[in-house]
């Protein structure tokens, strides 16, 4: 996954949505939000949405971008709370290349996604997980993600603490991603070459710091 992420990220990238291109060109700080997990469908989503709505007046220099899941159960909660609000942009679900390049250009990510918990830290992006538990406890252990649940007050205060404290932000942004360093495919090739006797050199193992 981390290897594929490295191949997909481009230094220059054109998004289909012109607003995203404008934010990147204007060097706007983007806060990316994603929610799609079944256990968060419906009423539980109101907490994160209210957190964004309540926090955004104090973060006028930021732009919140939320690719909204197509499920009506999700949209019926998100659009009434966050639709037509200044500095909050609701967009259609993004294909992989668009999404990972948006992650790479974001300042902070709020998500309930498992994959994003693995990908975001490789891009140096702190991740606030909109869940009370995660099947990726290694990410919590290494400090690349924080579990913030669905309470709007907790989400807002944790996000503001990161955004207002450069040291706290940098600590998360620079934490080692336990899921890889982007060289797994190279090591796989080296392992196969060693196994079949094409080289005597064994590949180095990935070990998080």
Protein backbone atom coordinates (compact mmCIF):
# COMPACT_ATOMS: atom_id res chain seq x y z
CA UNK A 1 0.00 0.00 0.00
CA UNK A 2 2.72 2.49 0.93
CA UNK A 3 4.72 1.63 -2.20
CA UNK A 4 1.66 2.25 -4.39
CA UNK A 5 1.07 5.54 -2.59
CA UNK A 6 4.56 6.72 -3.49
CA UNK A 7 4.02 5.88 -7.16
CA UNK A 8 0.66 7.71 -7.25
CA UNK A 9 1.73 11.00 -5.64
CA UNK A 10 2.77 13.65 -8.17
CA UNK A 11 4.63 16.90 -7.53
CA UNK A 12 2.21 18.67 -9.83
CA UNK A 13 -1.35 17.44 -10.09
CA UNK A 14 -4.53 18.80 -11.65
CA UNK A 15 -7.77 18.01 -9.85
CA UNK A 16 -11.06 17.74 -11.73
CA UNK A 17 -12.62 20.11 -9.17
CA UNK A 18 -11.21 23.57 -9.92
CA UNK A 19 -11.69 24.65 -6.29
CA UNK A 20 -9.09 22.15 -5.13
CA UNK A 21 -6.61 23.47 -7.69
CA UNK A 22 -7.26 27.01 -6.46
CA UNK A 23 -6.63 26.03 -2.83
CA UNK A 24 -3.35 24.37 -3.76
CA UNK A 25 -2.23 27.32 -5.90
CA UNK A 26 -3.21 29.80 -3.17
CA UNK A 27 -1.39 27.65 -0.59
CA UNK A 28 -4.53 27.32 1.47
CA UNK A 29 -4.19 24.88 4.34
CA UNK A 30 -6.59 22.01 3.72
CA UNK A 31 -8.24 19.92 6.43
CA UNK A 32 -9.47 16.72 4.82
CA UNK A 33 -12.47 14.88 6.29
CA UNK A 34 -13.72 11.41 5.32
CA UNK A 35 -16.45 9.28 6.91
CA UNK A 36 -17.87 6.10 5.46
CA UNK A 37 -17.80 3.29 8.03
CA UNK A 38 -21.10 1.52 8.58
CA UNK A 39 -21.03 1.98 12.37
CA UNK A 40 -20.87 5.75 11.84
CA UNK A 41 -23.74 5.98 9.36
CA UNK A 42 -26.60 8.27 10.26
CA UNK A 43 -26.84 10.02 13.62
CA UNK A 44 -23.26 9.28 14.79
CA UNK A 45 -21.98 11.47 11.93
CA UNK A 46 -23.57 14.56 13.42
CA UNK A 47 -20.75 14.89 15.97
CA UNK A 48 -17.88 15.36 13.48
CA UNK A 49 -20.07 17.56 11.26
CA UNK A 50 -20.95 19.80 14.19
CA UNK A 51 -17.27 19.89 15.19
CA UNK A 52 -16.36 21.19 11.72
CA UNK A 53 -19.18 23.69 11.71
CA UNK A 54 -18.21 24.98 15.16
CA UNK A 55 -14.46 25.07 14.53
CA UNK A 56 -14.37 26.63 11.06
CA UNK A 57 -15.08 30.27 12.14
CA UNK A 58 -11.78 30.24 14.09
CA UNK A 59 -9.94 28.68 11.14
CA UNK A 60 -10.74 31.10 8.34
CA UNK A 61 -7.33 30.51 6.75
CA UNK A 62 -8.15 26.81 6.33
CA UNK A 63 -10.40 25.02 3.88
CA UNK A 64 -12.30 21.91 4.96
CA UNK A 65 -12.73 19.41 2.13
CA UNK A 66 -15.15 16.52 2.59
CA UNK A 67 -15.60 13.89 -0.17
CA UNK A 68 -19.09 12.70 0.77
CA UNK A 69 -20.04 9.04 0.46
CA UNK A 70 -22.87 8.37 -2.02
CA UNK A 71 -25.02 6.55 0.53
CA UNK A 72 -28.16 8.66 1.26
CA UNK A 73 -27.83 7.77 4.96
CA UNK A 74 -24.55 9.70 4.94
CA UNK A 75 -25.68 12.57 2.73
CA UNK A 76 -28.89 13.18 4.67
CA UNK A 77 -26.75 14.02 7.71
CA UNK A 78 -23.81 15.81 6.09
CA UNK A 79 -25.50 18.21 3.70
CA UNK A 80 -28.02 19.79 6.13
CA UNK A 81 -25.19 20.58 8.58
CA UNK A 82 -22.29 21.47 6.29
CA UNK A 83 -23.90 22.41 2.99
CA UNK A 84 -23.44 26.01 1.80
CA UNK A 85 -21.01 26.94 4.58
CA UNK A 86 -18.07 29.19 3.86
CA UNK A 87 -14.68 27.43 3.80
CA UNK A 88 -16.34 23.97 3.84
CA UNK A 89 -16.32 22.20 0.47
CA UNK A 90 -18.41 19.07 -0.05
CA UNK A 91 -17.26 17.11 -3.09
CA UNK A 92 -18.21 13.86 -4.74
CA UNK A 93 -16.20 10.71 -3.83
CA UNK A 94 -12.76 10.90 -5.41
CA UNK A 95 -10.92 8.25 -7.42
CA UNK A 96 -7.70 6.93 -5.89
CA UNK A 97 -5.24 9.25 -7.66
CA UNK A 98 -7.27 12.36 -6.84
CA UNK A 99 -7.74 11.33 -3.24
CA UNK A 100 -4.14 10.45 -2.39
CA UNK A 101 -2.86 13.61 -4.08
CA UNK A 102 -5.36 15.59 -2.03
CA UNK A 103 -4.08 13.83 1.11
CA UNK A 104 -0.54 14.82 0.16
CA UNK A 105 -1.62 18.45 -0.05
CA UNK A 106 -3.64 18.46 3.18
CA UNK A 107 -2.46 19.83 6.51
CA UNK A 108 -4.59 17.62 8.77
CA UNK A 109 -6.84 14.62 8.16
CA UNK A 110 -9.96 13.58 10.09
CA UNK A 111 -11.19 10.14 9.12
CA UNK A 112 -12.79 6.86 10.11
CA UNK A 113 -10.99 5.05 7.29
CA UNK A 114 -8.59 2.21 8.03
CA UNK A 115 -6.54 2.69 4.87
CA UNK A 116 -6.04 6.39 5.49
CA UNK A 117 -4.63 5.57 8.93
CA UNK A 118 -1.86 3.72 7.09
CA UNK A 119 -1.37 6.07 4.15
CA UNK A 120 -1.58 9.50 5.77
CA UNK A 121 1.42 9.14 8.12
CA UNK A 122 3.67 8.25 5.16
CA UNK A 123 2.81 11.68 3.79
CA UNK A 124 3.60 13.40 7.09
CA UNK A 125 -0.06 14.10 7.88
CA UNK A 126 -1.40 13.85 11.44
CA UNK A 127 -4.53 11.69 11.53
CA UNK A 128 -7.44 12.19 13.93
CA UNK A 129 -9.51 8.99 13.90
CA UNK A 130 -13.26 9.49 14.23
CA UNK A 131 -13.71 6.28 16.17
CA UNK A 132 -13.22 5.09 19.76
CA UNK A 133 -11.35 1.93 18.71
CA UNK A 134 -9.14 0.99 15.78
CA UNK A 135 -7.98 -2.30 14.32
CA UNK A 136 -4.64 -0.58 13.78
CA UNK A 137 -3.34 -0.17 17.36
CA UNK A 138 0.23 0.10 16.01
CA UNK A 139 -0.63 3.51 14.61
CA UNK A 140 -1.74 4.71 18.05
CA UNK A 141 1.36 3.16 19.64
CA UNK A 142 3.73 4.94 17.25
CA UNK A 143 1.86 8.23 17.54
CA UNK A 144 0.84 8.63 13.91
CA UNK A 145 -2.88 8.76 14.78
CA UNK A 146 -5.07 9.88 17.67
CA UNK A 147 -8.46 8.38 18.51
CA UNK A 148 -10.89 11.24 19.06
CA UNK A 149 -14.26 9.49 18.81
CA UNK A 150 -17.39 11.31 17.67
CA UNK A 151 -17.89 13.95 20.36
CA UNK A 152 -17.77 17.39 18.69
CA UNK A 153 -16.04 19.04 21.65
CA UNK A 154 -13.26 16.44 21.76
CA UNK A 155 -12.75 16.62 17.99
CA UNK A 156 -12.61 20.42 17.97
CA UNK A 157 -10.29 20.76 20.96
CA UNK A 158 -7.87 18.09 19.70
CA UNK A 159 -7.73 19.62 16.23
CA UNK A 160 -7.20 23.13 17.60
CA UNK A 161 -4.47 21.89 19.94
CA UNK A 162 -2.58 20.40 17.00
CA UNK A 163 -3.08 23.42 14.77
CA UNK A 164 -2.13 25.91 17.49
CA UNK A 165 0.90 24.00 18.75
CA UNK A 166 3.62 23.55 16.09
CA UNK A 167 5.62 21.17 18.32
CA UNK A 168 2.65 18.87 18.87
CA UNK A 169 1.83 18.96 15.18
CA UNK A 170 5.39 18.20 14.13
CA UNK A 171 5.66 15.34 16.60
CA UNK A 172 2.74 13.57 14.90
CA UNK A 173 3.78 14.58 11.40
CA UNK A 174 7.28 13.14 11.83
CA UNK A 175 6.32 9.94 13.67
CA UNK A 176 7.44 6.69 12.03
CA UNK A 177 4.74 4.93 10.07
CA UNK A 178 4.76 1.30 11.28
CA UNK A 179 3.17 0.09 8.03
CA UNK A 180 6.15 0.62 5.78
CA UNK A 181 8.57 3.03 4.19
CA UNK A 182 7.66 2.58 0.53
CA UNK A 183 10.39 0.06 -0.29
CA UNK A 184 8.54 -3.24 0.25
CA UNK A 185 8.39 -4.05 -3.47
CA UNK A 186 12.12 -3.42 -3.85
CA UNK A 187 12.87 -5.73 -0.91
CA UNK A 188 10.56 -8.36 -2.39
CA UNK A 189 12.52 -8.36 -5.64
CA UNK A 190 15.80 -8.53 -3.72
CA UNK A 191 14.46 -11.45 -1.64
CA UNK A 192 13.46 -13.35 -4.77
CA UNK A 193 16.84 -12.71 -6.37
CA UNK A 194 18.58 -13.98 -3.23
CA UNK A 195 16.30 -17.02 -2.94
CA UNK A 196 16.98 -18.10 -6.52
CA UNK A 197 20.71 -17.48 -6.21
CA UNK A 198 21.04 -14.43 -8.45
CA UNK A 199 22.65 -12.47 -5.62
CA UNK A 200 24.23 -13.21 -2.27
CA UNK A 201 22.99 -9.97 -0.76
CA UNK A 202 19.97 -10.31 1.49
CA UNK A 203 17.46 -7.43 1.55
CA UNK A 204 17.43 -5.20 4.61
CA UNK A 205 14.39 -5.64 6.84
CA UNK A 206 11.98 -2.81 7.56
CA UNK A 207 12.03 -2.01 11.26
CA UNK A 208 10.16 1.04 12.58
CA UNK A 209 12.30 3.28 14.75
